[in-house]
PDB file of N, CA and C in Angstrom:
ATOM      1  N   MET A   1      42.838  45.359  -4.382  1.00  0.00           N
ATOM      2  CA  MET A   1      43.296  44.401  -6.058  1.00  0.00           C
ATOM      3  C   MET A   1      41.929  43.310  -5.823  1.00  0.00           C
ATOM      4  N   THR A   2      41.456  43.260  -7.010  1.00  0.00           N
ATOM      5  CA  THR A   2      40.127  42.341  -7.435  1.00  0.00           C
ATOM      6  C   THR A   2      40.694  41.211  -8.053  1.00  0.00           C
ATOM      7  N   VAL A   3      40.248  39.884  -7.735  1.00  0.00           N
ATOM      8  CA  VAL A   3      40.481  38.829  -8.506  1.00  0.00           C
ATOM      9  C   VAL A   3      39.470  38.454  -9.322  1.00  0.00           C
ATOM     10  N   GLU A   4      39.744  38.084 -10.447  1.00  0.00           N
ATOM     11  CA  GLU A   4      38.518  37.424 -11.751  1.00  0.00           C
ATOM     12  C   GLU A   4      38.864  36.366 -11.908  1.00  0.00           C
ATOM     13  N   TYR A   5      37.834  35.389 -12.065  1.00  0.00           N
ATOM     14  CA  TYR A   5      38.081  34.331 -12.269  1.00  0.00           C
ATOM     15  C   TYR A   5      37.105  33.898 -13.964  1.00  0.00           C
ATOM     16  N   PHE A   6      37.649  33.245 -14.576  1.00  0.00           N
ATOM     17  CA  PHE A   6      36.993  33.022 -16.110  1.00  0.00           C
ATOM     18  C   PHE A   6      36.756  31.672 -16.377  1.00  0.00           C
ATOM     19  N   LEU A   7      35.668  31.351 -16.572  1.00  0.00           N
ATOM     20  CA  LEU A   7      35.304  29.755 -16.995  1.00  0.00           C
ATOM     21  C   LEU A   7      35.499  29.745 -18.393  1.00  0.00           C
ATOM     22  N   LEU A   8      36.462  28.736 -18.882  1.00  0.00           N
ATOM     23  CA  LEU A   8      36.788  28.467 -20.378  1.00  0.00           C
ATOM     24  C   LEU A   8      35.588  27.621 -20.644  1.00  0.00           C
ATOM     25  N   VAL A   9      34.986  27.808 -21.758  1.00  0.00           N
ATOM     26  CA  VAL A   9      33.862  26.581 -22.175  1.00  0.00           C
ATOM     27  C   VAL A   9      34.289  26.189 -23.648  1.00  0.00           C
ATOM     28  N   CYS A  10      34.274  24.853 -23.591  1.00  0.00           N
ATOM     29  CA  CYS A  10      34.814  24.294 -24.910  1.00  0.00           C
ATOM     30  C   CYS A  10      33.660  23.884 -25.593  1.00  0.00           C
ATOM     31  N   ASP A  11      33.522  23.709 -26.747  1.00  0.00           N
ATOM     32  CA  ASP A  11      32.493  23.500 -27.468  1.00  0.00           C
ATOM     33  C   ASP A  11      32.580  22.108 -27.986  1.00  0.00           C
ATOM     34  N   ASP A  12      33.624  21.403 -27.999  1.00  0.00           N
ATOM     35  CA  ASP A  12      34.002  20.548 -28.431  1.00  0.00           C
ATOM     36  C   ASP A  12      34.360  19.369 -27.482  1.00  0.00           C
ATOM     37  N   VAL A  13      33.449  18.604 -26.564  1.00  0.00           N
ATOM     38  CA  VAL A  13      33.817  17.783 -25.709  1.00  0.00           C
ATOM     39  C   VAL A  13      34.673  16.654 -26.296  1.00  0.00           C
ATOM     40  N   PRO A  14      35.598  16.029 -25.510  1.00  0.00           N
ATOM     41  CA  PRO A  14      36.263  15.219 -25.891  1.00  0.00           C
ATOM     42  C   PRO A  14      35.620  13.618 -25.519  1.00  0.00           C
ATOM     43  N   HIS A  15      35.780  12.614 -26.408  1.00  0.00           N
ATOM     44  CA  HIS A  15      35.052  11.297 -26.268  1.00  0.00           C
ATOM     45  C   HIS A  15      35.907  10.271 -26.410  1.00  0.00           C
ATOM     46  N   ASP A  16      35.457   9.228 -25.605  1.00  0.00           N
ATOM     47  CA  ASP A  16      36.246   7.853 -25.737  1.00  0.00           C
ATOM     48  C   ASP A  16      35.677   6.952 -26.811  1.00  0.00           C
ATOM     49  N   VAL A  17      36.413   5.966 -27.241  1.00  0.00           N
ATOM     50  CA  VAL A  17      35.764   5.091 -28.099  1.00  0.00           C
ATOM     51  C   VAL A  17      36.071   3.742 -27.465  1.00  0.00           C
ATOM     52  N   VAL A  18      34.737   3.170 -27.192  1.00  0.00           N
ATOM     53  CA  VAL A  18      34.836   1.960 -26.562  1.00  0.00           C
ATOM     54  C   VAL A  18      34.353   1.067 -27.094  1.00  0.00           C
ATOM     55  N   LEU A  19      35.267  -0.205 -26.916  1.00  0.00           N
ATOM     56  CA  LEU A  19      34.880  -1.668 -27.885  1.00  0.00           C
ATOM     57  C   LEU A  19      34.064  -2.243 -27.063  1.00  0.00           C
ATOM     58  N   THR A  20      32.836  -2.391 -27.267  1.00  0.00           N
ATOM     59  CA  THR A  20      32.144  -3.197 -26.341  1.00  0.00           C
ATOM     60  C   THR A  20      31.858  -4.776 -26.626  1.00  0.00           C
ATOM     61  N   ASP A  21      32.068  -5.271 -28.079  1.00  0.00           N
ATOM     62  CA  ASP A  21      32.148  -6.606 -28.404  1.00  0.00           C
ATOM     63  C   ASP A  21      32.747  -6.824 -29.704  1.00  0.00           C
ATOM     64  N   PRO A  22      33.896  -7.914 -29.853  1.00  0.00           N
ATOM     65  CA  PRO A  22      34.616  -7.623 -30.922  1.00  0.00           C
ATOM     66  C   PRO A  22      33.961  -8.544 -31.844  1.00  0.00           C
ATOM     67  N   GLY A  23      32.932  -9.276 -31.701  1.00  0.00           N
ATOM     68  CA  GLY A  23      32.021 -10.085 -32.608  1.00  0.00           C
ATOM     69  C   GLY A  23      32.966 -11.529 -33.226  1.00  0.00           C
ATOM     70  N   ALA A  24      32.495 -11.957 -34.017  1.00  0.00           N
ATOM     71  CA  ALA A  24      33.194 -13.316 -34.533  1.00  0.00           C
ATOM     72  C   ALA A  24      34.362 -12.898 -35.524  1.00  0.00           C
ATOM     73  N   ARG A  25      34.467 -11.758 -36.188  1.00  0.00           N
ATOM     74  CA  ARG A  25      35.700 -11.537 -36.776  1.00  0.00           C
ATOM     75  C   ARG A  25      36.849 -10.688 -36.001  1.00  0.00           C
ATOM     76  N   VAL A  26      37.375 -11.597 -34.942  1.00  0.00           N
ATOM     77  CA  VAL A  26      38.304 -10.958 -34.287  1.00  0.00           C
ATOM     78  C   VAL A  26      39.730  -9.995 -34.755  1.00  0.00           C
ATOM     79  N   ILE A  27      40.225 -10.900 -35.924  1.00  0.00           N
ATOM     80  CA  ILE A  27      41.294 -10.546 -36.618  1.00  0.00           C
ATOM     81  C   ILE A  27      40.867  -9.137 -37.326  1.00  0.00           C
ATOM     82  N   ASP A  28      39.621  -9.289 -38.284  1.00  0.00           N
ATOM     83  CA  ASP A  28      39.317  -7.983 -38.823  1.00  0.00           C
ATOM     84  C   ASP A  28      39.373  -6.760 -37.631  1.00  0.00           C
ATOM     85  N   VAL A  29      38.945  -7.118 -36.639  1.00  0.00           N
ATOM     86  CA  VAL A  29      38.771  -6.161 -35.596  1.00  0.00           C
ATOM     87  C   VAL A  29      40.066  -5.636 -35.020  1.00  0.00           C
ATOM     88  N   ALA A  30      41.093  -6.703 -34.813  1.00  0.00           N
ATOM     89  CA  ALA A  30      42.125  -6.299 -34.466  1.00  0.00           C
ATOM     90  C   ALA A  30      43.023  -5.413 -35.434  1.00  0.00           C
ATOM     91  N   GLN A  31      42.792  -5.785 -36.834  1.00  0.00           N
ATOM     92  CA  GLN A  31      43.469  -4.897 -37.509  1.00  0.00           C
ATOM     93  C   GLN A  31      42.770  -3.432 -37.604  1.00  0.00           C
ATOM     94  N   ALA A  32      41.649  -3.201 -37.586  1.00  0.00           N
ATOM     95  CA  ALA A  32      41.011  -1.943 -37.157  1.00  0.00           C
ATOM     96  C   ALA A  32      41.446  -1.281 -36.227  1.00  0.00           C
ATOM     97  N   VAL A  33      41.653  -1.894 -34.977  1.00  0.00           N
ATOM     98  CA  VAL A  33      42.217  -1.343 -33.690  1.00  0.00           C
ATOM     99  C   VAL A  33      43.728  -1.040 -34.392  1.00  0.00           C
ATOM    100  N   ARG A  34      44.567  -1.630 -34.749  1.00  0.00           N
ATOM    101  CA  ARG A  34      45.957  -1.400 -34.902  1.00  0.00           C
ATOM    102  C   ARG A  34      45.906  -0.218 -35.791  1.00  0.00           C
ATOM    103  N   ARG A  35      45.158  -0.157 -37.008  1.00  0.00           N
ATOM    104  CA  ARG A  35      45.015   1.224 -37.766  1.00  0.00           C
ATOM    105  C   ARG A  35      44.659   2.439 -36.920  1.00  0.00           C
ATOM    106  N   LEU A  36      43.843   2.225 -36.042  1.00  0.00           N
ATOM    107  CA  LEU A  36      43.316   3.286 -35.158  1.00  0.00           C
ATOM    108  C   LEU A  36      44.239   3.647 -33.837  1.00  0.00           C
ATOM    109  N   THR A  37      44.977   2.915 -33.611  1.00  0.00           N
ATOM    110  CA  THR A  37      45.779   3.127 -32.431  1.00  0.00           C
ATOM    111  C   THR A  37      47.453   3.102 -32.740  1.00  0.00           C
ATOM    112  N   GLY A  38      47.778   2.451 -33.843  1.00  0.00           N
ATOM    113  CA  GLY A  38      49.124   2.614 -34.139  1.00  0.00           C
ATOM    114  C   GLY A  38      49.863   1.066 -33.204  1.00  0.00           C
ATOM    115  N   LEU A  39      49.280   0.649 -32.610  1.00  0.00           N
ATOM    116  CA  LEU A  39      49.827  -0.749 -31.717  1.00  0.00           C
ATOM    117  C   LEU A  39      50.078  -1.872 -32.689  1.00  0.00           C
ATOM    118  N   SER A  40      50.931  -2.793 -32.325  1.00  0.00           N
ATOM    119  CA  SER A  40      51.137  -3.927 -32.840  1.00  0.00           C
ATOM    120  C   SER A  40      49.814  -4.775 -33.250  1.00  0.00           C
ATOM    121  N   LEU A  41      50.230  -5.620 -34.126  1.00  0.00           N
ATOM    122  CA  LEU A  41      48.749  -6.368 -34.510  1.00  0.00           C
ATOM    123  C   LEU A  41      48.504  -7.495 -32.928  1.00  0.00           C
ATOM    124  N   TRP A  42      49.520  -7.772 -32.789  1.00  0.00           N
ATOM    125  CA  TRP A  42      49.535  -8.895 -31.212  1.00  0.00           C
ATOM    126  C   TRP A  42      48.744  -7.995 -30.057  1.00  0.00           C
ATOM    127  N   ARG A  43      49.313  -6.748 -29.911  1.00  0.00           N
ATOM    128  CA  ARG A  43      48.671  -6.024 -28.841  1.00  0.00           C
ATOM    129  C   ARG A  43      47.299  -5.598 -28.958  1.00  0.00           C
ATOM    130  N   SER A  44      46.887  -5.224 -30.516  1.00  0.00           N
ATOM    131  CA  SER A  44      45.732  -4.903 -31.006  1.00  0.00           C
ATOM    132  C   SER A  44      44.570  -6.036 -30.659  1.00  0.00           C
ATOM    133  N   LYS A  45      45.384  -7.368 -31.073  1.00  0.00           N
ATOM    134  CA  LYS A  45      44.374  -8.257 -30.806  1.00  0.00           C
ATOM    135  C   LYS A  45      43.796  -8.855 -29.249  1.00  0.00           C
ATOM    136  N   VAL A  46      45.080  -8.646 -28.411  1.00  0.00           N
ATOM    137  CA  VAL A  46      44.703  -8.807 -26.766  1.00  0.00           C
ATOM    138  C   VAL A  46      43.880  -7.779 -26.585  1.00  0.00           C
ATOM    139  N   LEU A  47      43.909  -6.416 -26.996  1.00  0.00           N
ATOM    140  CA  LEU A  47      42.813  -5.431 -26.651  1.00  0.00           C
ATOM    141  C   LEU A  47      41.682  -5.626 -27.261  1.00  0.00           C
ATOM    142  N   ALA A  48      41.618  -6.137 -28.331  1.00  0.00           N
ATOM    143  CA  ALA A  48      40.124  -6.455 -28.826  1.00  0.00           C
ATOM    144  C   ALA A  48      39.414  -7.693 -28.090  1.00  0.00           C
ATOM    145  N   THR A  49      40.094  -8.485 -27.420  1.00  0.00           N
ATOM    146  CA  THR A  49      39.663  -9.845 -26.902  1.00  0.00           C
ATOM    147  C   THR A  49      39.386  -9.437 -25.319  1.00  0.00           C
ATOM    148  N   GLN A  50      39.655  -8.503 -24.834  1.00  0.00           N
ATOM    149  CA  GLN A  50      39.449  -7.918 -23.614  1.00  0.00           C
ATOM    150  C   GLN A  50      38.279  -6.768 -23.301  1.00  0.00           C
ATOM    151  N   ALA A  51      37.344  -7.017 -24.408  1.00  0.00           N
ATOM    152  CA  ALA A  51      36.278  -6.184 -24.354  1.00  0.00           C
ATOM    153  C   ALA A  51      35.383  -6.301 -23.195  1.00  0.00           C
ATOM    154  N   PRO A  52      34.907  -5.101 -22.720  1.00  0.00           N
ATOM    155  CA  PRO A  52      34.789  -3.673 -23.152  1.00  0.00           C
ATOM    156  C   PRO A  52      36.086  -3.295 -22.653  1.00  0.00           C
ATOM    157  N   ALA A  53      36.674  -2.533 -23.834  1.00  0.00           N
ATOM    158  CA  ALA A  53      37.885  -1.782 -23.592  1.00  0.00           C
ATOM    159  C   ALA A  53      37.932  -0.522 -24.345  1.00  0.00           C
ATOM    160  N   VAL A  54      38.644   0.506 -23.792  1.00  0.00           N
ATOM    161  CA  VAL A  54      38.558   1.943 -24.164  1.00  0.00           C
ATOM    162  C   VAL A  54      39.763   1.679 -25.254  1.00  0.00           C
ATOM    163  N   ILE A  55      39.312   1.925 -26.424  1.00  0.00           N
ATOM    164  CA  ILE A  55      40.506   2.178 -27.834  1.00  0.00           C
ATOM    165  C   ILE A  55      41.184   3.487 -28.115  1.00  0.00           C
ATOM    166  N   LEU A  56      40.280   4.721 -27.742  1.00  0.00           N
ATOM    167  CA  LEU A  56      40.841   5.745 -27.779  1.00  0.00           C
ATOM    168  C   LEU A  56      40.417   6.533 -26.655  1.00  0.00           C
ATOM    169  N   ASN A  57      41.373   7.702 -26.174  1.00  0.00           N
ATOM    170  CA  ASN A  57      40.823   8.313 -25.097  1.00  0.00           C
ATOM    171  C   ASN A  57      41.006  10.013 -25.684  1.00  0.00           C
ATOM    172  N   ASN A  58      40.135  10.652 -25.248  1.00  0.00           N
ATOM    173  CA  ASN A  58      40.031  12.268 -25.290  1.00  0.00           C
ATOM    174  C   ASN A  58      40.218  12.473 -26.880  1.00  0.00           C
ATOM    175  N   VAL A  59      39.347  12.268 -27.897  1.00  0.00           N
ATOM    176  CA  VAL A  59      39.130  12.441 -28.862  1.00  0.00           C
ATOM    177  C   VAL A  59      38.060  13.501 -29.476  1.00  0.00           C
ATOM    178  N   PRO A  60      38.297  14.143 -30.541  1.00  0.00           N
ATOM    179  CA  PRO A  60      36.968  14.968 -31.044  1.00  0.00           C
ATOM    180  C   PRO A  60      35.828  14.020 -31.533  1.00  0.00           C
ATOM    181  N   ALA A  61      34.649  14.705 -31.343  1.00  0.00           N
ATOM    182  CA  ALA A  61      33.628  14.004 -31.616  1.00  0.00           C
ATOM    183  C   ALA A  61      33.554  13.434 -33.066  1.00  0.00           C
ATOM    184  N   GLU A  62      34.333  13.965 -34.134  1.00  0.00           N
ATOM    185  CA  GLU A  62      34.445  13.585 -35.201  1.00  0.00           C
ATOM    186  C   GLU A  62      35.335  12.342 -35.421  1.00  0.00           C
ATOM    187  N   ALA A  63      36.323  12.423 -34.847  1.00  0.00           N
ATOM    188  CA  ALA A  63      37.060  11.415 -34.783  1.00  0.00           C
ATOM    189  C   ALA A  63      36.676  10.104 -33.957  1.00  0.00           C
ATOM    190  N   ALA A  64      36.129  10.241 -32.946  1.00  0.00           N
ATOM    191  CA  ALA A  64      35.377   9.299 -32.492  1.00  0.00           C
ATOM    192  C   ALA A  64      34.237   8.479 -33.189  1.00  0.00           C
ATOM    193  N   ALA A  65      33.659   9.244 -33.797  1.00  0.00           N
ATOM    194  CA  ALA A  65      32.623   8.761 -34.876  1.00  0.00           C
ATOM    195  C   ALA A  65      33.088   8.123 -36.027  1.00  0.00           C
ATOM    196  N   ALA A  66      34.116   8.353 -36.602  1.00  0.00           N
ATOM    197  CA  ALA A  66      34.872   7.848 -37.771  1.00  0.00           C
ATOM    198  C   ALA A  66      35.597   6.559 -36.932  1.00  0.00           C
ATOM    199  N   ALA A  67      36.045   6.582 -35.810  1.00  0.00           N
ATOM    200  CA  ALA A  67      36.722   5.180 -35.399  1.00  0.00           C
ATOM    201  C   ALA A  67      35.509   4.020 -35.083  1.00  0.00           C
ATOM    202  N   VAL A  68      34.550   4.719 -34.507  1.00  0.00           N
ATOM    203  CA  VAL A  68      33.237   3.664 -34.138  1.00  0.00           C
ATOM    204  C   VAL A  68      32.906   3.011 -35.441  1.00  0.00           C
ATOM    205  N   SER A  69      32.813   4.108 -36.594  1.00  0.00           N
ATOM    206  CA  SER A  69      32.354   3.401 -37.926  1.00  0.00           C
ATOM    207  C   SER A  69      33.312   2.190 -38.535  1.00  0.00           C
ATOM    208  N   ALA A  70      34.629   2.664 -38.122  1.00  0.00           N
ATOM    209  CA  ALA A  70      35.750   1.705 -38.743  1.00  0.00           C
ATOM    210  C   ALA A  70      35.463   0.233 -37.846  1.00  0.00           C
ATOM    211  N   LEU A  71      35.479   0.680 -36.683  1.00  0.00           N
ATOM    212  CA  LEU A  71      35.166  -0.727 -35.930  1.00  0.00           C
ATOM    213  C   LEU A  71      34.056  -1.628 -36.128  1.00  0.00           C
ATOM    214  N   ARG A  72      32.978  -1.137 -36.422  1.00  0.00           N
ATOM    215  CA  ARG A  72      31.710  -1.619 -36.644  1.00  0.00           C
ATOM    216  C   ARG A  72      31.649  -2.174 -38.205  1.00  0.00           C
ATOM    217  N   ASP A  73      32.428  -1.491 -39.073  1.00  0.00           N
ATOM    218  CA  ASP A  73      32.546  -2.077 -40.411  1.00  0.00           C
ATOM    219  C   ASP A  73      33.361  -3.014 -40.405  1.00  0.00           C
ATOM    220  N   ALA A  74      34.359  -3.221 -39.254  1.00  0.00           N
ATOM    221  CA  ALA A  74      35.221  -4.733 -39.148  1.00  0.00           C
ATOM    222  C   ALA A  74      34.387  -5.500 -38.431  1.00  0.00           C
ATOM    223  N   GLY A  75      32.902  -5.556 -38.045  1.00  0.00           N
ATOM    224  CA  GLY A  75      32.360  -6.410 -37.250  1.00  0.00           C
ATOM    225  C   GLY A  75      32.271  -6.504 -35.876  1.00  0.00           C
ATOM    226  N   ALA A  76      32.642  -5.285 -35.279  1.00  0.00           N
ATOM    227  CA  ALA A  76      32.491  -5.134 -33.849  1.00  0.00           C
ATOM    228  C   ALA A  76      31.450  -4.335 -33.450  1.00  0.00           C
ATOM    229  N   GLU A  77      31.286  -4.435 -32.184  1.00  0.00           N
ATOM    230  CA  GLU A  77      30.258  -3.282 -31.485  1.00  0.00           C
ATOM    231  C   GLU A  77      30.918  -2.134 -31.078  1.00  0.00           C
ATOM    232  N   ALA A  78      30.827  -0.977 -31.208  1.00  0.00           N
ATOM    233  CA  ALA A  78      31.719   0.087 -30.399  1.00  0.00           C
ATOM    234  C   ALA A  78      30.608   1.307 -30.257  1.00  0.00           C
ATOM    235  N   GLU A  79      31.010   1.862 -29.198  1.00  0.00           N
ATOM    236  CA  GLU A  79      30.387   3.342 -28.962  1.00  0.00           C
ATOM    237  C   GLU A  79      31.187   4.284 -28.452  1.00  0.00           C
ATOM    238  N   THR A  80      30.694   5.515 -28.589  1.00  0.00           N
ATOM    239  CA  THR A  80      31.514   6.715 -27.883  1.00  0.00           C
ATOM    240  C   THR A  80      30.710   7.177 -26.754  1.00  0.00           C
ATOM    241  N   ARG A  81      31.770   7.725 -25.933  1.00  0.00           N
ATOM    242  CA  ARG A  81      31.363   8.174 -24.574  1.00  0.00           C
ATOM    243  C   ARG A  81      31.843   9.190 -24.356  1.00  0.00           C
ATOM    244  N   GLU A  82      30.969  10.584 -23.753  1.00  0.00           N
ATOM    245  CA  GLU A  82      31.406  11.649 -23.654  1.00  0.00           C
ATOM    246  C   GLU A  82      32.072  11.638 -22.389  1.00  0.00           C
ATOM    247  N   ARG A  83      33.253  12.489 -22.330  1.00  0.00           N
ATOM    248  CA  ARG A  83      34.210  12.537 -21.152  1.00  0.00           C
ATOM    249  C   ARG A  83      33.743  13.529 -20.119  1.00  0.00           C
ATOM    250  N   SER A  84      33.113  13.414 -19.284  1.00  0.00           N
ATOM    251  CA  SER A  84      32.876  14.496 -18.366  1.00  0.00           C
ATOM    252  C   SER A  84      34.099  15.218 -17.899  1.00  0.00           C
ATOM    253  N   GLU A  85      33.981  16.354 -17.121  1.00  0.00           N
ATOM    254  CA  GLU A  85      34.883  17.215 -16.861  1.00  0.00           C
ATOM    255  C   GLU A  85      35.868  16.653 -15.629  1.00  0.00           C
ATOM    256  N   TRP A  86      34.796  16.186 -14.821  1.00  0.00           N
ATOM    257  CA  TRP A  86      35.219  15.242 -13.449  1.00  0.00           C
ATOM    258  C   TRP A  86      35.931  13.867 -13.751  1.00  0.00           C
ATOM    259  N   SER A  87      35.773  13.308 -14.883  1.00  0.00           N
ATOM    260  CA  SER A  87      36.395  11.755 -14.717  1.00  0.00           C
ATOM    261  C   SER A  87      37.884  11.902 -15.347  1.00  0.00           C
ATOM    262  N   SER A  88      38.454  10.941 -14.808  1.00  0.00           N
ATOM    263  CA  SER A  88      39.672  10.848 -15.066  1.00  0.00           C
ATOM    264  C   SER A  88      40.182   9.693 -16.124  1.00  0.00           C
TER     265      SER A  88
END
């Protein structure tokens, strides 16, 4: 009996959205975090003030880019980071 192994390749590598600096408009950024995550406004503000903080985990590239754009429009500095296969 032969055993065959297959390597599955995914075209869309998951991304994380990282808030690096909330900027001067923390409440606006907290509201953007609330819209993106569904957290309460209080928890969103706590998350925004604890920068750098991961806002979203394992999202597609398009969703990550849209989230970064929303955070930047609110006055924050944010970035996307590709998740490697080996990171947890």
